[in-house]
Amino acid sequence: MNIEANKIAGAVLSTLLVVMSLNMAAGIVFAPKKPAVAGFELPSEEPAAGAGGAAAPAAEEPIAVRLAKADPAKGEKAVGACKACHTFDKGGANKVGPHLFGVYGRNEGSVDGFGYSAAMKGRNDKVWDADALDHFLKNPKAYVPGTAMAFAGISKPEARADVVAYLNSLSDSPQPLPKP
């Protein structure tokens, strides 16, 4: 019985040796060519110059112009996803992000008891005004490089204006918004 077990073990080991040898040989023969740059280039969304006279995208209106048409009620609906990390009530607790009641006109990175990232702590001399909030909401990581906020931003300028108007309304004494 011992000889039979040795034959089976020898057959298994021989099979594994053959498979490994074939794998190594195939790797040599069919070696994949690695590109110089990983991935591939995505096509640009910008139209090529002189391509049938296509109009260039319109420049974004200044925040003051958009705020004149902004609707705080729409802004309140737009911050639905923000409620996972922020509170909007007066005296609200800090969650993953700081509370946002009274954020308009408050210094950036200045909520007591909240653990801001190093990048945001260094900004407490700046004030959250309409322009600052608009830029932050558009792309937080571009506005404050190194921020810990994991939010891609709001791409629609009108939606950002609605949110800024809503954030201004979250105060005991809302500040006057900039005029166009």
Foldseek 3Di string as FASTA:
>chain_A
DVVVVVVVVVVVVVVVVVVVVVVVVCCVVVPDDDDPDPDDDDDDPFDDPPPPPDDGDDDDDDLQVLLVVAALVLLVVVCPVVVVQEALAVVDCGGVHYHLQVQAFAFFPDDPPDDWFPQRVVRRVHHRHRRLQLVCQQAVCVSRPPGPDPDGHDPDSNNSSNNNVNSQVRYPDRDDHDHD
